[in-house]
Amino acid sequence: MKKLLILSSLVLFVVLSFSSCRKCTDCTAYERTTNTPIQISNYCGPNKSVNQFEDDFIATYTTVATYAECE
């Protein structure tokens, strides 16, 4: 019984420690004149990677004709 409790505690710890590191984002690029979505992207990963993805997406679609938002 003690071994089962230790094993299940270890499994729970591993699952919680790896699942808490993931973050997801949805980014959409719009045409400025009509506010029509032209590109929609979803991305999940570690916080640092998601933040970099959002920065790159917004930089790519921030032009005179388009803009981008991430949620």
Protein backbone atom coordinates (compact mmCIF):
# COMPACT_ATOMS: atom_id res chain seq x y z
CA MET A 1 0.00 0.00 0.00
CA LYS A 2 2.83 2.38 0.87
CA LYS A 3 4.55 1.73 -2.48
CA LEU A 4 1.31 2.49 -4.34
CA LEU A 5 0.92 5.79 -2.49
CA ILE A 6 4.52 6.79 -3.24
CA LEU A 7 4.21 5.82 -6.90
CA SER A 8 0.93 7.67 -7.38
CA SER A 9 2.36 10.75 -5.63
CA LEU A 10 5.36 10.68 -7.93
CA VAL A 11 3.17 10.37 -11.03
CA LEU A 12 0.97 13.24 -9.85
CA PHE A 13 4.00 15.42 -9.20
CA VAL A 14 5.44 14.76 -12.67
CA VAL A 15 2.12 15.44 -14.41
CA LEU A 16 1.55 18.70 -12.54
CA SER A 17 5.09 19.95 -12.97
CA PHE A 18 5.10 19.48 -16.75
CA SER A 19 1.55 20.60 -17.46
CA SER A 20 1.93 23.92 -15.66
CA CYS A 21 4.73 25.02 -17.99
CA ARG A 22 2.52 25.18 -21.09
CA LYS A 23 0.75 28.30 -22.27
CA CYS A 24 -1.41 28.79 -25.35
CA THR A 25 -2.16 31.85 -27.45
CA ASP A 26 -4.40 32.76 -30.37
CA CYS A 27 -3.14 35.47 -32.72
CA THR A 28 -5.12 37.12 -35.48
CA ALA A 29 -3.97 39.53 -38.17
CA TYR A 30 -6.50 41.98 -39.65
CA GLU A 31 -6.71 44.21 -42.69
CA ARG A 32 -6.84 47.79 -41.37
CA THR A 33 -9.45 49.22 -43.74
CA THR A 34 -12.08 46.49 -43.34
CA ASN A 35 -11.02 44.79 -40.07
CA THR A 36 -11.22 41.48 -41.95
CA PRO A 37 -9.13 38.65 -40.46
CA ILE A 38 -6.43 37.61 -42.90
CA GLN A 39 -4.36 35.21 -40.73
CA ILE A 40 -5.24 33.24 -37.59
CA SER A 41 -2.58 31.25 -35.71
CA ASN A 42 -2.69 29.17 -32.54
CA TYR A 43 0.42 28.22 -30.61
CA CYS A 44 1.08 26.32 -27.38
CA GLY A 45 4.39 25.86 -25.60
CA PRO A 46 6.56 27.11 -22.76
CA ASN A 47 5.92 30.70 -21.61
CA LYS A 48 9.11 32.09 -23.16
CA SER A 49 8.39 30.43 -26.50
CA VAL A 50 4.78 31.66 -26.56
CA ASN A 51 5.85 35.21 -25.75
CA GLN A 52 8.39 35.11 -28.59
CA PHE A 53 5.75 33.76 -30.98
CA GLU A 54 3.37 36.60 -30.06
CA ASP A 55 6.10 39.23 -30.53
CA ASP A 56 7.10 37.79 -33.92
CA PHE A 57 3.50 37.49 -35.12
CA ILE A 58 2.66 41.07 -34.17
CA ALA A 59 5.89 42.38 -35.73
CA THR A 60 5.19 40.51 -38.95
CA TYR A 61 1.64 41.81 -39.37
CA THR A 62 2.08 45.36 -38.08
CA THR A 63 2.24 47.31 -41.33
CA VAL A 64 0.44 50.22 -42.95
CA ALA A 65 -2.22 47.84 -44.29
CA THR A 66 -2.49 45.30 -41.44
CA TYR A 67 -2.40 44.94 -37.66
CA ALA A 68 -2.35 41.98 -35.27
CA GLU A 69 -3.65 41.01 -31.83
CA CYS A 70 -2.91 38.04 -29.57
CA GLU A 71 -5.07 36.68 -26.77
